[in-house]
């Protein structure tokens, strides 16, 4: 678990939007595993635009959506 906030407001939290933190490899550095698709599974939960942007950033890093018949590394849930 690593907190991520879009505004700097907590010392322990990474200050960035999730899609940008993924693309800039800051999230992987914070996770300590290099954030490799072979080693990680990501659960995205939030507004549809953030989920879509984060999914695109993860896809650029080799992650795929998890489907029943095609296992991948991205699970998601959207809400408003």
N, C-alpha and C. Protein backbone atom coordinates (compact mmCIF):
# COMPACT_ATOMS: atom_id res chain seq x y z
N UNK A 1 0.84 -1.18 0.00
CA UNK A 1 0.00 0.00 0.00
C UNK A 1 0.88 1.24 0.00
N UNK A 2 0.59 2.14 -0.92
CA UNK A 2 1.32 3.40 -0.96
C UNK A 2 0.35 4.51 -1.30
N UNK A 3 0.11 5.45 -0.41
CA UNK A 3 -0.84 6.53 -0.68
C UNK A 3 -0.35 7.44 -1.80
N UNK A 4 -1.30 7.90 -2.58
CA UNK A 4 -1.02 8.78 -3.72
C UNK A 4 -2.05 9.90 -3.69
N UNK A 5 -1.59 11.14 -3.62
CA UNK A 5 -2.50 12.28 -3.56
C UNK A 5 -2.17 13.25 -4.69
N UNK A 6 -3.19 13.82 -5.34
CA UNK A 6 -2.92 14.75 -6.44
C UNK A 6 -2.31 16.07 -5.97
N UNK A 7 -2.42 16.37 -4.68
CA UNK A 7 -1.83 17.60 -4.14
C UNK A 7 -0.92 17.22 -2.98
N UNK A 8 0.19 17.92 -2.82
CA UNK A 8 1.07 17.60 -1.69
C UNK A 8 0.41 18.00 -0.37
N UNK A 9 -0.01 17.00 0.40
CA UNK A 9 -0.62 17.33 1.68
C UNK A 9 -0.24 16.36 2.80
N UNK A 10 0.56 15.35 2.47
CA UNK A 10 0.99 14.40 3.49
C UNK A 10 2.41 13.95 3.19
N UNK A 11 3.22 13.88 4.21
CA UNK A 11 4.62 13.51 4.02
C UNK A 11 4.81 12.12 3.43
N UNK A 12 3.98 11.17 3.82
CA UNK A 12 4.14 9.78 3.37
C UNK A 12 3.54 9.52 1.99
N UNK A 13 2.80 10.46 1.45
CA UNK A 13 2.10 10.24 0.18
C UNK A 13 2.92 10.75 -1.01
N UNK A 14 2.79 10.06 -2.11
CA UNK A 14 3.39 10.49 -3.37
C UNK A 14 2.46 11.55 -3.96
N UNK A 15 2.97 12.73 -4.26
CA UNK A 15 2.15 13.82 -4.77
C UNK A 15 2.15 13.80 -6.30
N UNK A 16 1.10 13.19 -6.87
CA UNK A 16 0.98 13.11 -8.32
C UNK A 16 -0.37 12.52 -8.67
N UNK A 17 -0.82 12.79 -9.90
CA UNK A 17 -1.99 12.07 -10.41
C UNK A 17 -1.53 10.68 -10.81
N UNK A 18 -2.38 9.70 -10.64
CA UNK A 18 -2.01 8.31 -10.89
C UNK A 18 -1.48 8.06 -12.29
N UNK A 19 -2.15 8.50 -13.36
CA UNK A 19 -1.61 8.23 -14.71
C UNK A 19 -0.21 8.81 -14.92
N UNK A 20 0.03 10.02 -14.40
CA UNK A 20 1.34 10.63 -14.55
C UNK A 20 2.40 9.92 -13.71
N UNK A 21 2.02 9.45 -12.53
CA UNK A 21 2.96 8.72 -11.68
C UNK A 21 3.36 7.39 -12.32
N UNK A 22 2.42 6.75 -13.01
CA UNK A 22 2.73 5.50 -13.73
C UNK A 22 3.66 5.79 -14.90
N UNK A 23 3.31 6.78 -15.71
CA UNK A 23 4.10 7.10 -16.91
C UNK A 23 5.51 7.55 -16.55
N UNK A 24 5.66 8.30 -15.47
CA UNK A 24 6.97 8.81 -15.07
C UNK A 24 7.76 7.79 -14.24
N UNK A 25 7.18 6.62 -14.03
CA UNK A 25 7.80 5.52 -13.26
C UNK A 25 8.00 5.87 -11.79
N UNK A 26 7.32 6.90 -11.30
CA UNK A 26 7.43 7.26 -9.89
C UNK A 26 6.69 6.26 -9.01
N UNK A 27 5.56 5.74 -9.50
CA UNK A 27 4.80 4.77 -8.73
C UNK A 27 5.58 3.48 -8.58
N UNK A 28 6.22 3.03 -9.65
CA UNK A 28 7.04 1.83 -9.58
C UNK A 28 8.21 1.97 -8.64
N UNK A 29 8.83 3.13 -8.66
CA UNK A 29 9.95 3.38 -7.75
C UNK A 29 9.48 3.34 -6.30
N UNK A 30 8.30 3.89 -6.04
CA UNK A 30 7.76 3.89 -4.68
C UNK A 30 7.39 2.48 -4.25
N UNK A 31 6.88 1.66 -5.18
CA UNK A 31 6.49 0.29 -4.85
C UNK A 31 7.71 -0.58 -4.55
N UNK A 32 8.85 -0.23 -5.12
CA UNK A 32 10.07 -0.97 -4.85
C UNK A 32 10.23 -2.24 -5.66
N UNK A 33 9.30 -2.53 -6.53
CA UNK A 33 9.39 -3.74 -7.34
C UNK A 33 9.65 -3.42 -8.80
N UNK A 34 9.84 -2.18 -9.13
CA UNK A 34 10.00 -1.80 -10.52
C UNK A 34 8.68 -1.76 -11.27
N UNK A 35 7.59 -2.16 -10.60
CA UNK A 35 6.25 -2.11 -11.17
C UNK A 35 6.20 -2.82 -12.52
N UNK A 36 6.58 -4.07 -12.53
CA UNK A 36 6.66 -4.89 -13.72
C UNK A 36 5.36 -5.68 -13.88
N UNK A 37 4.85 -5.77 -15.11
CA UNK A 37 3.61 -6.51 -15.36
C UNK A 37 3.73 -7.98 -14.98
N UNK A 38 4.92 -8.53 -14.99
CA UNK A 38 5.12 -9.93 -14.61
C UNK A 38 5.02 -10.13 -13.10
N UNK A 39 5.15 -9.05 -12.33
CA UNK A 39 5.17 -9.16 -10.88
C UNK A 39 4.00 -8.50 -10.17
N UNK A 40 3.22 -7.70 -10.88
CA UNK A 40 2.21 -6.88 -10.22
C UNK A 40 0.82 -7.09 -10.81
N UNK A 41 -0.18 -6.84 -10.00
CA UNK A 41 -1.57 -6.77 -10.44
C UNK A 41 -2.13 -5.47 -9.86
N UNK A 42 -2.81 -4.69 -10.68
CA UNK A 42 -3.28 -3.37 -10.28
C UNK A 42 -4.80 -3.36 -10.22
N UNK A 43 -5.35 -2.83 -9.12
CA UNK A 43 -6.79 -2.64 -8.99
C UNK A 43 -7.04 -1.14 -9.04
N UNK A 44 -7.73 -0.70 -10.08
CA UNK A 44 -8.07 0.71 -10.24
C UNK A 44 -9.53 0.91 -9.83
N UNK A 45 -9.77 1.89 -9.00
CA UNK A 45 -11.13 2.19 -8.57
C UNK A 45 -11.26 3.71 -8.49
N UNK A 46 -12.24 4.25 -9.17
CA UNK A 46 -12.42 5.70 -9.14
C UNK A 46 -13.26 6.19 -10.29
N UNK A 47 -13.15 7.46 -10.59
CA UNK A 47 -13.98 8.03 -11.65
C UNK A 47 -13.53 7.48 -13.01
N UNK A 48 -14.45 7.38 -13.96
CA UNK A 48 -14.15 6.76 -15.25
C UNK A 48 -12.98 7.38 -16.01
N UNK A 49 -12.81 8.69 -15.94
CA UNK A 49 -11.71 9.34 -16.65
C UNK A 49 -10.36 8.94 -16.07
N UNK A 50 -10.26 8.89 -14.75
CA UNK A 50 -9.01 8.49 -14.11
C UNK A 50 -8.69 7.04 -14.43
N UNK A 51 -9.70 6.17 -14.36
CA UNK A 51 -9.50 4.75 -14.65
C UNK A 51 -9.04 4.58 -16.10
N UNK A 52 -9.66 5.30 -17.04
CA UNK A 52 -9.27 5.20 -18.45
C UNK A 52 -7.84 5.71 -18.66
N UNK A 53 -7.50 6.84 -18.05
CA UNK A 53 -6.14 7.39 -18.19
C UNK A 53 -5.09 6.47 -17.57
N UNK A 54 -5.39 5.94 -16.39
CA UNK A 54 -4.45 5.04 -15.73
C UNK A 54 -4.30 3.73 -16.50
N UNK A 55 -5.40 3.23 -17.05
CA UNK A 55 -5.34 2.00 -17.86
C UNK A 55 -4.46 2.22 -19.08
N UNK A 56 -4.59 3.36 -19.73
CA UNK A 56 -3.75 3.67 -20.90
C UNK A 56 -2.27 3.76 -20.50
N UNK A 57 -1.98 4.39 -19.37
CA UNK A 57 -0.59 4.49 -18.91
C UNK A 57 -0.03 3.11 -18.58
N UNK A 58 -0.84 2.26 -17.97
CA UNK A 58 -0.40 0.90 -17.66
C UNK A 58 -0.22 0.06 -18.92
N UNK A 59 -1.11 0.22 -19.88
CA UNK A 59 -1.00 -0.52 -21.15
C UNK A 59 0.30 -0.16 -21.86
N UNK A 60 0.70 1.09 -21.78
CA UNK A 60 1.97 1.51 -22.38
C UNK A 60 3.17 0.85 -21.71
N UNK A 61 2.98 0.36 -20.48
CA UNK A 61 4.04 -0.34 -19.73
C UNK A 61 3.92 -1.86 -19.84
N UNK A 62 2.98 -2.36 -20.67
CA UNK A 62 2.86 -3.80 -20.88
C UNK A 62 1.79 -4.49 -20.07
N UNK A 63 1.01 -3.75 -19.31
CA UNK A 63 -0.08 -4.34 -18.54
C UNK A 63 -1.30 -4.53 -19.45
N UNK A 64 -2.11 -5.56 -19.14
CA UNK A 64 -3.35 -5.81 -19.89
C UNK A 64 -4.52 -5.90 -18.93
N UNK A 65 -5.72 -5.60 -19.44
CA UNK A 65 -6.93 -5.74 -18.63
C UNK A 65 -7.15 -7.21 -18.31
N UNK A 66 -7.58 -7.48 -17.08
CA UNK A 66 -7.89 -8.84 -16.67
C UNK A 66 -9.30 -9.18 -17.13
N UNK A 67 -9.42 -10.29 -17.84
CA UNK A 67 -10.72 -10.78 -18.31
C UNK A 67 -10.84 -12.24 -17.90
N UNK A 68 -12.06 -12.72 -17.82
CA UNK A 68 -12.28 -14.11 -17.41
C UNK A 68 -11.51 -15.09 -18.28
N UNK A 69 -11.56 -14.90 -19.58
CA UNK A 69 -10.92 -15.83 -20.50
C UNK A 69 -9.51 -15.42 -20.91
N UNK A 70 -9.12 -14.22 -20.55
CA UNK A 70 -7.78 -13.71 -20.85
C UNK A 70 -7.21 -13.04 -19.62
N UNK A 71 -6.49 -13.76 -18.78
CA UNK A 71 -5.92 -13.15 -17.58
C UNK A 71 -4.99 -11.99 -17.90
N UNK A 72 -5.08 -10.96 -17.11
CA UNK A 72 -4.21 -9.79 -17.25
C UNK A 72 -3.83 -9.26 -15.90
N UNK A 73 -3.31 -8.05 -15.86
CA UNK A 73 -2.81 -7.47 -14.61
C UNK A 73 -3.61 -6.26 -14.13
N UNK A 74 -4.67 -5.87 -14.86
CA UNK A 74 -5.45 -4.68 -14.47
C UNK A 74 -6.89 -5.10 -14.20
N UNK A 75 -7.35 -4.86 -12.98
CA UNK A 75 -8.75 -5.01 -12.62
C UNK A 75 -9.26 -3.60 -12.36
N UNK A 76 -10.54 -3.36 -12.63
CA UNK A 76 -11.05 -2.00 -12.46
C UNK A 76 -12.49 -1.96 -12.02
N UNK A 77 -12.83 -0.84 -11.42
CA UNK A 77 -14.18 -0.54 -11.00
C UNK A 77 -14.34 0.96 -11.14
N UNK A 78 -15.42 1.39 -11.76
CA UNK A 78 -15.66 2.84 -11.91
C UNK A 78 -16.88 3.25 -11.10
N UNK A 79 -16.90 4.47 -10.67
CA UNK A 79 -18.05 4.99 -9.93
C UNK A 79 -18.10 6.51 -10.09
N UNK A 80 -19.20 7.05 -9.74
CA UNK A 80 -19.37 8.52 -9.68
C UNK A 80 -19.95 8.89 -8.37
